[in-house]
Amino acid sequence: MRNLMIFAAIMIGLGTFMAQMASKMTPAAATTAAGQKAPPGVTVAQASGRTLSIPRDSRGHFATDGRIDGQRIDFMVDTGASLVALNEKSAARFGLRPTPGDYTSKVTTANGTIKAARARIAMIDLGGLVVRDVDAMVLPDEALSENLLGLSFLSKLRRFEYANGRLVLEQ
């Protein structure tokens, strides 16, 4: 029993040491085949998973593109939004066409309260980060100029954080 306790203590110490060393290491910058730096918002594969680093745009927002059903869509990452929110025009491209009777949910936005239709997206791919079965809302075009990537997507990631002027998403 004593030997088992000593072994456990050594393993805990070794694990702590390795965790500290790993947190001090930074992944190498992604490069293209020609050895040039990859453009901002490119996924960098890491041993612990996949990471996407999104720089701020000129407005200070984190805008990126993703894919729903293989089709490209622009998103603004919004950690204050509970759900992914799509405007009607974008939602229609993916077959989401709510009828007037589907707009039963009230949503409070920066521009006031608006009616929205609940939806579910089978899969969102954001730079290689794939999240399935995502709750969403469809809002009228006049109420939502940009599609929002909210917590119904972000909460299914391992982590998301603001670091060094970039939003880092990790799966």
C-alpha atoms as a PDB file:
ATOM      1  CA  MET A   1       0.000   0.000   0.000  1.00  0.00           C
ATOM      2  CA  ARG A   2       2.861   2.331   0.872  1.00  0.00           C
ATOM      3  CA  ASN A   3       4.488   1.751  -2.540  1.00  0.00           C
ATOM      4  CA  LEU A   4       1.160   2.498  -4.247  1.00  0.00           C
ATOM      5  CA  MET A   5       0.853   5.813  -2.371  1.00  0.00           C
ATOM      6  CA  ILE A   6       4.422   6.792  -3.310  1.00  0.00           C
ATOM      7  CA  PHE A   7       3.761   5.909  -6.960  1.00  0.00           C
ATOM      8  CA  ALA A   8       0.524   7.966  -6.926  1.00  0.00           C
ATOM      9  CA  ALA A   9       2.331  10.973  -5.419  1.00  0.00           C
ATOM     10  CA  ILE A  10       5.068  10.761  -8.061  1.00  0.00           C
ATOM     11  CA  MET A  11       2.476  10.545 -10.860  1.00  0.00           C
ATOM     12  CA  ILE A  12       0.575  13.565  -9.502  1.00  0.00           C
ATOM     13  CA  GLY A  13       3.806  15.549  -9.277  1.00  0.00           C
ATOM     14  CA  LEU A  14       4.801  14.539 -12.801  1.00  0.00           C
ATOM     15  CA  GLY A  15       1.338  15.420 -14.117  1.00  0.00           C
ATOM     16  CA  THR A  16       1.477  18.863 -12.488  1.00  0.00           C
ATOM     17  CA  PHE A  17       4.941  19.493 -13.906  1.00  0.00           C
ATOM     18  CA  MET A  18       3.848  18.464 -17.431  1.00  0.00           C
ATOM     19  CA  ALA A  19       0.737  20.685 -17.217  1.00  0.00           C
ATOM     20  CA  GLN A  20       2.886  23.667 -16.235  1.00  0.00           C
ATOM     21  CA  MET A  21       5.298  23.001 -19.084  1.00  0.00           C
ATOM     22  CA  ALA A  22       2.449  22.637 -21.585  1.00  0.00           C
ATOM     23  CA  SER A  23       0.888  25.939 -20.512  1.00  0.00           C
ATOM     24  CA  LYS A  24       4.201  27.720 -21.153  1.00  0.00           C
ATOM     25  CA  MET A  25       4.486  26.320 -24.661  1.00  0.00           C
ATOM     26  CA  THR A  26       2.868  28.178 -27.564  1.00  0.00           C
ATOM     27  CA  PRO A  27       1.920  26.530 -30.827  1.00  0.00           C
ATOM     28  CA  ALA A  28       4.012  27.392 -33.858  1.00  0.00           C
ATOM     29  CA  ALA A  29       2.391  29.813 -36.289  1.00  0.00           C
ATOM     30  CA  ALA A  30       0.524  28.134 -39.109  1.00  0.00           C
ATOM     31  CA  THR A  31       2.380  28.331 -42.378  1.00  0.00           C
ATOM     32  CA  THR A  32       1.460  27.632 -45.946  1.00  0.00           C
ATOM     33  CA  ALA A  33       3.368  25.215 -48.151  1.00  0.00           C
ATOM     34  CA  ALA A  34       5.488  28.110 -49.393  1.00  0.00           C
ATOM     35  CA  GLY A  35       6.528  28.899 -45.814  1.00  0.00           C
ATOM     36  CA  GLN A  36       4.449  32.095 -45.610  1.00  0.00           C
ATOM     37  CA  LYS A  37       2.263  32.846 -42.630  1.00  0.00           C
ATOM     38  CA  ALA A  38      -1.302  31.680 -43.039  1.00  0.00           C
ATOM     39  CA  PRO A  39      -3.993  34.369 -43.219  1.00  0.00           C
ATOM     40  CA  PRO A  40      -5.829  35.393 -40.027  1.00  0.00           C
ATOM     41  CA  GLY A  41      -8.628  33.114 -38.910  1.00  0.00           C
ATOM     42  CA  VAL A  42      -6.914  29.941 -40.123  1.00  0.00           C
ATOM     43  CA  THR A  43      -7.270  26.785 -38.052  1.00  0.00           C
ATOM     44  CA  VAL A  44      -4.086  25.506 -36.453  1.00  0.00           C
ATOM     45  CA  ALA A  45      -4.146  21.832 -35.490  1.00  0.00           C
ATOM     46  CA  GLN A  46      -2.697  21.106 -32.069  1.00  0.00           C
ATOM     47  CA  ALA A  47      -2.101  17.898 -30.205  1.00  0.00           C
ATOM     48  CA  SER A  48      -4.844  18.793 -27.719  1.00  0.00           C
ATOM     49  CA  GLY A  49      -7.452  19.493 -30.404  1.00  0.00           C
ATOM     50  CA  ARG A  50      -8.247  22.072 -33.034  1.00  0.00           C
ATOM     51  CA  THR A  51      -7.876  25.793 -32.467  1.00  0.00           C
ATOM     52  CA  LEU A  52      -9.163  28.776 -34.391  1.00  0.00           C
ATOM     53  CA  SER A  53      -7.777  32.235 -33.704  1.00  0.00           C
ATOM     54  CA  ILE A  54      -9.913  35.131 -34.963  1.00  0.00           C
ATOM     55  CA  PRO A  55      -8.468  38.667 -35.097  1.00  0.00           C
ATOM     56  CA  ARG A  56     -10.563  41.753 -34.386  1.00  0.00           C
ATOM     57  CA  ASP A  57     -11.894  43.575 -37.411  1.00  0.00           C
ATOM     58  CA  SER A  58     -11.739  47.361 -37.878  1.00  0.00           C
ATOM     59  CA  ARG A  59     -14.888  47.760 -35.734  1.00  0.00           C
ATOM     60  CA  GLY A  60     -13.397  45.709 -32.895  1.00  0.00           C
ATOM     61  CA  HIS A  61     -15.661  42.727 -33.599  1.00  0.00           C
ATOM     62  CA  PHE A  62     -14.694  39.136 -34.275  1.00  0.00           C
ATOM     63  CA  ALA A  63     -15.992  38.291 -37.736  1.00  0.00           C
ATOM     64  CA  THR A  64     -15.301  35.001 -39.470  1.00  0.00           C
ATOM     65  CA  ASP A  65     -16.788  32.725 -42.051  1.00  0.00           C
ATOM     66  CA  GLY A  66     -18.120  29.260 -41.519  1.00  0.00           C
ATOM     67  CA  ARG A  67     -20.127  26.615 -43.314  1.00  0.00           C
ATOM     68  CA  ILE A  68     -23.623  25.258 -42.874  1.00  0.00           C
ATOM     69  CA  ASP A  69     -24.437  22.276 -45.080  1.00  0.00           C
ATOM     70  CA  GLY A  70     -21.202  22.954 -46.956  1.00  0.00           C
ATOM     71  CA  GLN A  71     -22.235  26.489 -47.917  1.00  0.00           C
ATOM     72  CA  ARG A  72     -20.221  29.487 -46.783  1.00  0.00           C
ATOM     73  CA  ILE A  73     -21.758  31.930 -44.301  1.00  0.00           C
ATOM     74  CA  ASP A  74     -20.386  35.005 -42.524  1.00  0.00           C
ATOM     75  CA  PHE A  75     -20.708  35.214 -38.752  1.00  0.00           C
ATOM     76  CA  MET A  76     -19.954  37.760 -36.091  1.00  0.00           C
ATOM     77  CA  VAL A  77     -19.002  35.939 -32.884  1.00  0.00           C
ATOM     78  CA  ASP A  78     -21.273  37.200 -30.110  1.00  0.00           C
ATOM     79  CA  THR A  79     -20.598  35.782 -26.646  1.00  0.00           C
ATOM     80  CA  GLY A  80     -23.622  37.758 -25.403  1.00  0.00           C
ATOM     81  CA  ALA A  81     -26.029  35.941 -27.727  1.00  0.00           C
ATOM     82  CA  SER A  82     -27.641  32.841 -26.250  1.00  0.00           C
ATOM     83  CA  LEU A  83     -28.161  31.195 -29.635  1.00  0.00           C
ATOM     84  CA  VAL A  84     -26.877  31.289 -33.165  1.00  0.00           C
ATOM     85  CA  ALA A  85     -28.993  33.913 -34.933  1.00  0.00           C
ATOM     86  CA  LEU A  86     -29.512  33.968 -38.693  1.00  0.00           C
ATOM     87  CA  ASN A  87     -31.293  36.561 -40.783  1.00  0.00           C
ATOM     88  CA  GLU A  88     -34.025  35.266 -43.093  1.00  0.00           C
ATOM     89  CA  LYS A  89     -31.980  35.680 -46.263  1.00  0.00           C
ATOM     90  CA  SER A  90     -29.113  33.559 -44.921  1.00  0.00           C
ATOM     91  CA  ALA A  91     -31.418  30.980 -43.335  1.00  0.00           C
ATOM     92  CA  ALA A  92     -33.263  30.477 -46.629  1.00  0.00           C
ATOM     93  CA  ARG A  93     -29.981  29.432 -48.300  1.00  0.00           C
ATOM     94  CA  PHE A  94     -29.895  26.462 -45.914  1.00  0.00           C
ATOM     95  CA  GLY A  95     -33.544  25.515 -46.309  1.00  0.00           C
ATOM     96  CA  LEU A  96     -34.734  27.295 -43.164  1.00  0.00           C
ATOM     97  CA  ARG A  97     -37.836  29.205 -44.293  1.00  0.00           C
ATOM     98  CA  PRO A  98     -40.080  29.868 -41.299  1.00  0.00           C
ATOM     99  CA  THR A  99     -43.716  30.699 -41.950  1.00  0.00           C
ATOM    100  CA  PRO A 100     -45.246  33.776 -40.255  1.00  0.00           C
ATOM    101  CA  GLY A 101     -46.770  31.431 -37.644  1.00  0.00           C
ATOM    102  CA  ASP A 102     -43.302  30.124 -36.696  1.00  0.00           C
ATOM    103  CA  TYR A 103     -42.239  33.502 -35.280  1.00  0.00           C
ATOM    104  CA  THR A 104     -43.387  32.741 -31.737  1.00  0.00           C
ATOM    105  CA  SER A 105     -40.284  33.520 -29.668  1.00  0.00           C
ATOM    106  CA  LYS A 106     -39.596  36.999 -28.358  1.00  0.00           C
ATOM    107  CA  VAL A 107     -35.970  38.026 -28.536  1.00  0.00           C
ATOM    108  CA  THR A 108     -34.467  41.077 -26.863  1.00  0.00           C
ATOM    109  CA  THR A 109     -31.735  42.673 -28.963  1.00  0.00           C
ATOM    110  CA  ALA A 110     -29.775  45.895 -28.805  1.00  0.00           C
ATOM    111  CA  ASN A 111     -32.441  47.323 -31.130  1.00  0.00           C
ATOM    112  CA  GLY A 112     -35.403  46.223 -29.007  1.00  0.00           C
ATOM    113  CA  THR A 113     -37.695  43.216 -28.787  1.00  0.00           C
ATOM    114  CA  ILE A 114     -38.445  41.247 -31.946  1.00  0.00           C
ATOM    115  CA  LYS A 115     -40.229  37.997 -32.805  1.00  0.00           C
ATOM    116  CA  ALA A 116     -38.029  35.111 -33.998  1.00  0.00           C
ATOM    117  CA  ALA A 117     -38.495  31.548 -35.192  1.00  0.00           C
ATOM    118  CA  ARG A 118     -36.688  28.688 -33.467  1.00  0.00           C
ATOM    119  CA  ALA A 119     -34.561  26.404 -35.630  1.00  0.00           C
ATOM    120  CA  ARG A 120     -31.961  23.670 -35.326  1.00  0.00           C
ATOM    121  CA  ILE A 121     -28.856  23.458 -37.483  1.00  0.00           C
ATOM    122  CA  ALA A 122     -27.472  19.971 -38.092  1.00  0.00           C
ATOM    123  CA  MET A 123     -23.830  21.090 -38.356  1.00  0.00           C
ATOM    124  CA  ILE A 124     -21.758  24.286 -38.303  1.00  0.00           C
ATOM    125  CA  ASP A 125     -18.140  24.126 -39.446  1.00  0.00           C
ATOM    126  CA  LEU A 126     -16.022  27.078 -38.414  1.00  0.00           C
ATOM    127  CA  GLY A 127     -12.488  26.689 -39.761  1.00  0.00           C
ATOM    128  CA  GLY A 128     -12.440  22.965 -39.019  1.00  0.00           C
ATOM    129  CA  LEU A 129     -14.226  23.246 -35.668  1.00  0.00           C
ATOM    130  CA  VAL A 130     -17.351  21.172 -36.265  1.00  0.00           C
ATOM    131  CA  VAL A 131     -20.344  21.427 -33.935  1.00  0.00           C
ATOM    132  CA  ARG A 132     -23.487  19.384 -34.517  1.00  0.00           C
ATOM    133  CA  ASP A 133     -27.105  19.877 -33.508  1.00  0.00           C
ATOM    134  CA  VAL A 134     -26.974  23.618 -32.820  1.00  0.00           C
ATOM    135  CA  ASP A 135     -29.996  25.579 -31.580  1.00  0.00           C
ATOM    136  CA  ALA A 136     -30.639  28.722 -33.591  1.00  0.00           C
ATOM    137  CA  MET A 137     -33.107  31.525 -34.238  1.00  0.00           C
ATOM    138  CA  VAL A 138     -34.191  33.056 -37.523  1.00  0.00           C
ATOM    139  CA  LEU A 139     -34.865  36.787 -37.334  1.00  0.00           C
ATOM    140  CA  PRO A 140     -36.330  39.101 -39.959  1.00  0.00           C
ATOM    141  CA  ASP A 141     -33.697  40.654 -42.240  1.00  0.00           C
ATOM    142  CA  GLU A 142     -34.516  44.151 -41.005  1.00  0.00           C
ATOM    143  CA  ALA A 143     -33.840  43.076 -37.391  1.00  0.00           C
ATOM    144  CA  LEU A 144     -30.508  41.349 -38.006  1.00  0.00           C
ATOM    145  CA  SER A 145     -27.937  42.632 -40.468  1.00  0.00           C
ATOM    146  CA  GLU A 146     -25.223  40.117 -39.485  1.00  0.00           C
ATOM    147  CA  ASN A 147     -25.499  36.454 -38.551  1.00  0.00           C
ATOM    148  CA  LEU A 148     -24.450  35.886 -34.955  1.00  0.00           C
ATOM    149  CA  LEU A 149     -22.483  32.931 -33.645  1.00  0.00           C
ATOM    150  CA  GLY A 150     -23.804  32.656 -30.099  1.00  0.00           C
ATOM    151  CA  LEU A 151     -23.415  30.400 -27.104  1.00  0.00           C
ATOM    152  CA  SER A 152     -25.414  27.508 -28.566  1.00  0.00           C
ATOM    153  CA  PHE A 153     -22.296  26.973 -30.727  1.00  0.00           C
ATOM    154  CA  LEU A 154     -19.583  28.330 -28.413  1.00  0.00           C
ATOM    155  CA  SER A 155     -20.675  26.348 -25.345  1.00  0.00           C
ATOM    156  CA  LYS A 156     -20.058  23.087 -27.217  1.00  0.00           C
ATOM    157  CA  LEU A 157     -16.361  23.933 -27.605  1.00  0.00           C
ATOM    158  CA  ARG A 158     -13.678  23.001 -25.093  1.00  0.00           C
ATOM    159  CA  ARG A 159     -12.973  26.699 -24.528  1.00  0.00           C
ATOM    160  CA  PHE A 160     -13.174  30.165 -25.993  1.00  0.00           C
ATOM    161  CA  GLU A 161     -11.252  33.153 -24.716  1.00  0.00           C
ATOM    162  CA  TYR A 162      -9.946  36.571 -25.609  1.00  0.00           C
ATOM    163  CA  ALA A 163      -6.139  36.579 -25.688  1.00  0.00           C
ATOM    164  CA  ASN A 164      -3.607  38.973 -27.224  1.00  0.00           C
ATOM    165  CA  GLY A 165      -6.220  40.867 -29.250  1.00  0.00           C
ATOM    166  CA  ARG A 166      -7.720  37.695 -30.728  1.00  0.00           C
ATOM    167  CA  LEU A 167     -10.631  35.440 -29.949  1.00  0.00           C
ATOM    168  CA  VAL A 168      -9.365  31.887 -29.523  1.00  0.00           C
ATOM    169  CA  LEU A 169     -11.752  28.965 -29.987  1.00  0.00           C
ATOM    170  CA  GLU A 170     -10.641  25.434 -29.129  1.00  0.00           C
ATOM    171  CA  GLN A 171     -12.320  22.105 -29.691  1.00  0.00           C
END
